[in-house]
Amino acid sequence: MTHTAFSRRLFLASGATALLAACSGGAPKAGASTPSEYTDDEWRALSQEDWKSRLAPAAFAVLRKHDTERAFTSPLNDEKRPGVFHCAGCDLALFSSDTKFDSGTGWPSFWDFIPGTLGTSIDRKLFIARTEYHCARCLGHQGHVFEDGPAPTGLRYCNNGVALTFRPA
């Protein structure tokens, strides 16, 4: 998949509206997008202190501070039962277990997401531009998406396990 096709897919899949500043506390991020149906959602009104009281420290660091958990530390990396993976911040269903695969990277990985549940922004923290994705409802950081996944999408949504909860079918 070309970079242009990849960008177009992310743009279309995420709804193409501005990612709000609730995630970072500043202006909207350049190149950001998120589905508009959650723009006025109550989850976006929570303060950092509210989030800190609701989340475990590791989940807070990932979801609200854009941290990354250590590879191979999440039990969800080995989760193989049928079910749905939800945002650990607001409980929005993000991924079906049908799209999960073992990427060998040490983080839960998916080749597709539930439509309308993710927004994207550009992350330049590692000297290269990467596509970061967030929960569309609470704007919690989930992980990064790469173009090295399996068919049919060729994408790998590399997720932090502490940013997810799992509900078996």
C-alpha atoms as a PDB file:
ATOM      1  CA  MET A   1       0.000   0.000   0.000  1.00  0.00           C
ATOM      2  CA  THR A   2       1.406   3.407  -0.909  1.00  0.00           C
ATOM      3  CA  HIS A   3       1.853   6.091   1.708  1.00  0.00           C
ATOM      4  CA  THR A   4      -0.830   8.172  -0.021  1.00  0.00           C
ATOM      5  CA  ALA A   5      -3.300   5.267   0.025  1.00  0.00           C
ATOM      6  CA  PHE A   6      -2.405   4.580   3.670  1.00  0.00           C
ATOM      7  CA  SER A   7      -2.985   8.239   4.613  1.00  0.00           C
ATOM      8  CA  ARG A   8      -6.249   8.350   2.659  1.00  0.00           C
ATOM      9  CA  ARG A   9      -7.456   5.170   4.434  1.00  0.00           C
ATOM     10  CA  LEU A  10      -6.661   6.612   7.861  1.00  0.00           C
ATOM     11  CA  PHE A  11      -8.255   9.939   6.944  1.00  0.00           C
ATOM     12  CA  LEU A  12     -11.455   8.297   5.740  1.00  0.00           C
ATOM     13  CA  ALA A  13     -11.591   5.706   8.518  1.00  0.00           C
ATOM     14  CA  SER A  14     -11.226   8.294  11.234  1.00  0.00           C
ATOM     15  CA  GLY A  15     -13.865  10.723  10.034  1.00  0.00           C
ATOM     16  CA  ALA A  16     -11.530  13.594   9.103  1.00  0.00           C
ATOM     17  CA  THR A  17     -12.418  16.107  11.832  1.00  0.00           C
ATOM     18  CA  ALA A  18      -9.965  17.831  14.187  1.00  0.00           C
ATOM     19  CA  LEU A  19      -8.623  15.929  17.190  1.00  0.00           C
ATOM     20  CA  LEU A  20      -9.457  18.021  20.226  1.00  0.00           C
ATOM     21  CA  ALA A  21      -6.856  19.281  22.631  1.00  0.00           C
ATOM     22  CA  ALA A  22      -8.174  17.234  25.568  1.00  0.00           C
ATOM     23  CA  CYS A  23      -5.495  14.630  24.968  1.00  0.00           C
ATOM     24  CA  SER A  24      -2.525  16.949  25.250  1.00  0.00           C
ATOM     25  CA  GLY A  25      -3.908  20.060  26.874  1.00  0.00           C
ATOM     26  CA  GLY A  26      -2.893  22.266  23.939  1.00  0.00           C
ATOM     27  CA  ALA A  27      -4.004  23.207  20.455  1.00  0.00           C
ATOM     28  CA  PRO A  28      -5.240  20.513  18.063  1.00  0.00           C
ATOM     29  CA  LYS A  29      -2.371  18.453  16.654  1.00  0.00           C
ATOM     30  CA  ALA A  30      -1.365  18.950  13.027  1.00  0.00           C
ATOM     31  CA  GLY A  31      -2.749  16.261  10.764  1.00  0.00           C
ATOM     32  CA  ALA A  32      -5.091  15.011  13.457  1.00  0.00           C
ATOM     33  CA  SER A  33      -8.497  13.532  12.880  1.00  0.00           C
ATOM     34  CA  THR A  34     -11.220  11.848  14.905  1.00  0.00           C
ATOM     35  CA  PRO A  35     -14.879  10.935  14.315  1.00  0.00           C
ATOM     36  CA  SER A  36     -17.199  13.854  15.010  1.00  0.00           C
ATOM     37  CA  GLU A  37     -19.988  11.925  16.771  1.00  0.00           C
ATOM     38  CA  TYR A  38     -18.020  12.150  20.051  1.00  0.00           C
ATOM     39  CA  THR A  39     -17.089  15.848  19.874  1.00  0.00           C
ATOM     40  CA  ASP A  40     -19.384  16.846  22.738  1.00  0.00           C
ATOM     41  CA  ASP A  41     -18.940  13.664  24.729  1.00  0.00           C
ATOM     42  CA  GLU A  42     -18.693  13.924  28.529  1.00  0.00           C
ATOM     43  CA  TRP A  43     -15.472  11.873  28.494  1.00  0.00           C
ATOM     44  CA  ARG A  44     -13.673  14.777  26.838  1.00  0.00           C
ATOM     45  CA  ALA A  45     -14.585  17.139  29.683  1.00  0.00           C
ATOM     46  CA  LEU A  46     -12.666  15.145  32.311  1.00  0.00           C
ATOM     47  CA  SER A  47      -9.598  16.866  33.776  1.00  0.00           C
ATOM     48  CA  GLN A  48      -6.202  15.215  34.145  1.00  0.00           C
ATOM     49  CA  GLU A  49      -6.959  14.876  37.874  1.00  0.00           C
ATOM     50  CA  ASP A  50     -10.255  13.118  37.057  1.00  0.00           C
ATOM     51  CA  TRP A  51      -8.395  10.719  34.778  1.00  0.00           C
ATOM     52  CA  LYS A  52      -5.679  10.133  37.361  1.00  0.00           C
ATOM     53  CA  SER A  53      -8.296   9.114  39.935  1.00  0.00           C
ATOM     54  CA  ARG A  54     -10.048   6.749  37.476  1.00  0.00           C
ATOM     55  CA  LEU A  55      -7.034   4.959  35.968  1.00  0.00           C
ATOM     56  CA  ALA A  56      -4.200   2.821  37.284  1.00  0.00           C
ATOM     57  CA  PRO A  57      -0.857   4.676  37.060  1.00  0.00           C
ATOM     58  CA  ALA A  58       0.371   2.662  34.038  1.00  0.00           C
ATOM     59  CA  ALA A  59      -2.908   3.176  32.168  1.00  0.00           C
ATOM     60  CA  PHE A  60      -2.857   6.901  32.972  1.00  0.00           C
ATOM     61  CA  ALA A  61       0.709   7.202  31.649  1.00  0.00           C
ATOM     62  CA  VAL A  62      -0.250   5.568  28.341  1.00  0.00           C
ATOM     63  CA  LEU A  63      -3.772   6.893  27.784  1.00  0.00           C
ATOM     64  CA  ARG A  64      -3.273  10.484  28.952  1.00  0.00           C
ATOM     65  CA  LYS A  65       0.511  11.075  28.688  1.00  0.00           C
ATOM     66  CA  HIS A  66       1.184   9.074  25.486  1.00  0.00           C
ATOM     67  CA  ASP A  67       3.649   6.753  27.184  1.00  0.00           C
ATOM     68  CA  THR A  68       4.415   3.241  25.903  1.00  0.00           C
ATOM     69  CA  GLU A  69       4.344   0.110  28.045  1.00  0.00           C
ATOM     70  CA  ARG A  70       7.268  -2.318  27.854  1.00  0.00           C
ATOM     71  CA  ALA A  71       6.940  -4.992  25.190  1.00  0.00           C
ATOM     72  CA  PHE A  72       5.760  -8.469  26.270  1.00  0.00           C
ATOM     73  CA  THR A  73       4.326  -7.205  29.588  1.00  0.00           C
ATOM     74  CA  SER A  74       0.605  -7.232  28.751  1.00  0.00           C
ATOM     75  CA  PRO A  75      -1.446 -10.400  29.255  1.00  0.00           C
ATOM     76  CA  LEU A  76      -3.648  -9.154  26.384  1.00  0.00           C
ATOM     77  CA  ASN A  77      -0.780  -9.851  23.989  1.00  0.00           C
ATOM     78  CA  ASP A  78      -1.507 -13.565  24.515  1.00  0.00           C
ATOM     79  CA  GLU A  79      -5.322 -13.249  24.597  1.00  0.00           C
ATOM     80  CA  LYS A  80      -6.787 -15.622  21.989  1.00  0.00           C
ATOM     81  CA  ARG A  81     -10.440 -16.003  23.008  1.00  0.00           C
ATOM     82  CA  PRO A  82     -13.274 -14.604  20.876  1.00  0.00           C
ATOM     83  CA  GLY A  83     -14.435 -11.230  22.142  1.00  0.00           C
ATOM     84  CA  VAL A  84     -13.963  -7.488  21.923  1.00  0.00           C
ATOM     85  CA  PHE A  85     -11.147  -5.191  23.069  1.00  0.00           C
ATOM     86  CA  HIS A  86     -12.359  -1.929  24.655  1.00  0.00           C
ATOM     87  CA  CYS A  87     -10.676   1.354  25.550  1.00  0.00           C
ATOM     88  CA  ALA A  88      -9.513   1.116  29.182  1.00  0.00           C
ATOM     89  CA  GLY A  89     -10.383   4.798  29.610  1.00  0.00           C
ATOM     90  CA  CYS A  90     -14.018   5.016  28.491  1.00  0.00           C
ATOM     91  CA  ASP A  91     -14.951   1.427  27.567  1.00  0.00           C
ATOM     92  CA  LEU A  92     -15.587   2.129  23.859  1.00  0.00           C
ATOM     93  CA  ALA A  93     -15.322  -1.103  21.826  1.00  0.00           C
ATOM     94  CA  LEU A  94     -12.273  -0.645  19.536  1.00  0.00           C
ATOM     95  CA  PHE A  95     -11.198  -4.014  18.120  1.00  0.00           C
ATOM     96  CA  SER A  96     -12.777  -7.394  17.458  1.00  0.00           C
ATOM     97  CA  SER A  97     -10.708 -10.442  18.367  1.00  0.00           C
ATOM     98  CA  ASP A  98     -11.284 -11.543  14.748  1.00  0.00           C
ATOM     99  CA  THR A  99      -8.750  -8.896  13.657  1.00  0.00           C
ATOM    100  CA  LYS A 100      -6.087  -9.678  16.287  1.00  0.00           C
ATOM    101  CA  PHE A 101      -2.848 -11.353  15.210  1.00  0.00           C
ATOM    102  CA  ASP A 102       0.547 -12.195  16.706  1.00  0.00           C
ATOM    103  CA  SER A 103       2.908  -9.585  15.287  1.00  0.00           C
ATOM    104  CA  GLY A 104       5.888 -10.784  17.341  1.00  0.00           C
ATOM    105  CA  THR A 105       6.397  -7.210  18.587  1.00  0.00           C
ATOM    106  CA  GLY A 106       5.263  -7.816  22.166  1.00  0.00           C
ATOM    107  CA  TRP A 107       2.126  -5.663  21.981  1.00  0.00           C
ATOM    108  CA  PRO A 108      -1.452  -6.645  21.109  1.00  0.00           C
ATOM    109  CA  SER A 109      -1.781  -6.081  17.359  1.00  0.00           C
ATOM    110  CA  PHE A 110      -4.784  -5.838  15.059  1.00  0.00           C
ATOM    111  CA  TRP A 111      -5.151  -5.566  11.284  1.00  0.00           C
ATOM    112  CA  ASP A 112      -8.355  -3.508  11.474  1.00  0.00           C
ATOM    113  CA  PHE A 113     -10.563  -1.666  13.975  1.00  0.00           C
ATOM    114  CA  ILE A 114     -14.274  -1.204  14.584  1.00  0.00           C
ATOM    115  CA  PRO A 115     -15.338   1.615  12.216  1.00  0.00           C
ATOM    116  CA  GLY A 116     -15.709   5.063  13.774  1.00  0.00           C
ATOM    117  CA  THR A 117     -13.797   4.255  16.961  1.00  0.00           C
ATOM    118  CA  LEU A 118     -10.302   5.618  16.276  1.00  0.00           C
ATOM    119  CA  GLY A 119      -8.848   9.017  15.502  1.00  0.00           C
ATOM    120  CA  THR A 120      -5.311   9.684  14.307  1.00  0.00           C
ATOM    121  CA  SER A 121      -2.557  12.259  14.667  1.00  0.00           C
ATOM    122  CA  ILE A 122       1.068  12.548  13.615  1.00  0.00           C
ATOM    123  CA  ASP A 123       3.703  11.676  16.234  1.00  0.00           C
ATOM    124  CA  ARG A 124       7.207  13.040  15.608  1.00  0.00           C
ATOM    125  CA  LYS A 125       8.774  12.092  18.968  1.00  0.00           C
ATOM    126  CA  LEU A 126      11.226   9.579  17.474  1.00  0.00           C
ATOM    127  CA  PHE A 127      12.654  11.812  14.720  1.00  0.00           C
ATOM    128  CA  ILE A 128      10.330  10.219  12.168  1.00  0.00           C
ATOM    129  CA  ALA A 129       6.657  10.828  11.563  1.00  0.00           C
ATOM    130  CA  ARG A 130       4.479   7.985  12.814  1.00  0.00           C
ATOM    131  CA  THR A 131       0.702   7.719  12.794  1.00  0.00           C
ATOM    132  CA  GLU A 132      -0.567   7.632  16.356  1.00  0.00           C
ATOM    133  CA  TYR A 133      -4.141   6.562  17.021  1.00  0.00           C
ATOM    134  CA  HIS A 134      -6.510   7.442  19.827  1.00  0.00           C
ATOM    135  CA  CYS A 135      -9.886   6.361  21.143  1.00  0.00           C
ATOM    136  CA  ALA A 136     -12.417   8.517  19.315  1.00  0.00           C
ATOM    137  CA  ARG A 137     -14.562   9.020  22.410  1.00  0.00           C
ATOM    138  CA  CYS A 138     -12.111   9.905  25.220  1.00  0.00           C
ATOM    139  CA  LEU A 139      -9.063  10.689  23.027  1.00  0.00           C
ATOM    140  CA  GLY A 140      -6.936   8.261  25.045  1.00  0.00           C
ATOM    141  CA  HIS A 141      -3.675   7.267  23.335  1.00  0.00           C
ATOM    142  CA  GLN A 142      -3.803   3.637  22.200  1.00  0.00           C
ATOM    143  CA  GLY A 143      -0.725   3.102  20.017  1.00  0.00           C
ATOM    144  CA  HIS A 144       0.655   3.500  16.502  1.00  0.00           C
ATOM    145  CA  VAL A 145      -0.336   2.058  13.144  1.00  0.00           C
ATOM    146  CA  PHE A 146       2.204   0.667  10.685  1.00  0.00           C
ATOM    147  CA  GLU A 147       2.072  -0.641   7.116  1.00  0.00           C
ATOM    148  CA  ASP A 148       3.556  -4.079   7.904  1.00  0.00           C
ATOM    149  CA  GLY A 149       0.420  -5.987   8.891  1.00  0.00           C
ATOM    150  CA  PRO A 150      -1.275  -8.978   7.290  1.00  0.00           C
ATOM    151  CA  ALA A 151      -3.925  -9.072   4.560  1.00  0.00           C
ATOM    152  CA  PRO A 152      -6.486  -7.870   3.916  1.00  0.00           C
ATOM    153  CA  THR A 153      -5.473  -4.356   5.119  1.00  0.00           C
ATOM    154  CA  GLY A 154      -1.682  -4.668   5.324  1.00  0.00           C
ATOM    155  CA  LEU A 155      -1.868  -2.566   8.495  1.00  0.00           C
ATOM    156  CA  ARG A 156      -0.727  -3.272  12.055  1.00  0.00           C
ATOM    157  CA  TYR A 157      -2.472  -1.382  14.831  1.00  0.00           C
ATOM    158  CA  CYS A 158       0.123  -1.850  17.570  1.00  0.00           C
ATOM    159  CA  ASN A 159      -1.710  -1.242  20.850  1.00  0.00           C
ATOM    160  CA  ASN A 160      -0.581  -0.766  24.418  1.00  0.00           C
ATOM    161  CA  GLY A 161      -2.204  -3.524  26.470  1.00  0.00           C
ATOM    162  CA  VAL A 162      -2.825  -1.242  29.484  1.00  0.00           C
ATOM    163  CA  ALA A 163      -4.919   0.989  27.205  1.00  0.00           C
ATOM    164  CA  LEU A 164      -7.333  -1.907  26.577  1.00  0.00           C
ATOM    165  CA  THR A 165      -9.709  -4.165  28.433  1.00  0.00           C
ATOM    166  CA  PHE A 166     -11.009  -7.435  27.003  1.00  0.00           C
ATOM    167  CA  ARG A 167     -14.551  -8.778  27.092  1.00  0.00           C
ATOM    168  CA  PRO A 168     -14.874 -12.415  26.064  1.00  0.00           C
ATOM    169  CA  ALA A 169     -17.777 -13.288  23.763  1.00  0.00           C
END
